[in-house]
Amino acid sequence: SLVSEIGGYFDRAASAVG
């Protein structure tokens, strides 16, 4: 849950930035 949430947030942020 925590890992999934963090992973999804980080991935989304990276995708938005890049």
Protein backbone atom coordinates (compact mmCIF):
# COMPACT_ATOMS: atom_id res chain seq x y z
CA SER A 1 0.00 0.00 0.00
CA LEU A 2 2.61 2.51 1.12
CA VAL A 3 5.13 1.45 -1.51
CA SER A 4 2.45 1.45 -4.18
CA GLU A 5 1.24 4.90 -3.19
CA ILE A 6 4.74 6.36 -3.08
CA GLY A 7 5.73 4.63 -6.32
CA GLY A 8 2.65 5.91 -8.10
CA TYR A 9 3.15 9.45 -6.82
CA PHE A 10 6.84 9.51 -7.71
CA ASP A 11 6.20 7.98 -11.13
CA ARG A 12 3.44 10.48 -11.84
CA ALA A 13 5.60 13.40 -10.72
CA ALA A 14 8.53 12.21 -12.83
CA SER A 15 6.24 11.75 -15.83
CA ALA A 16 4.80 15.24 -15.40
CA VAL A 17 8.26 16.78 -15.07
CA GLY A 18 9.85 14.78 -17.87
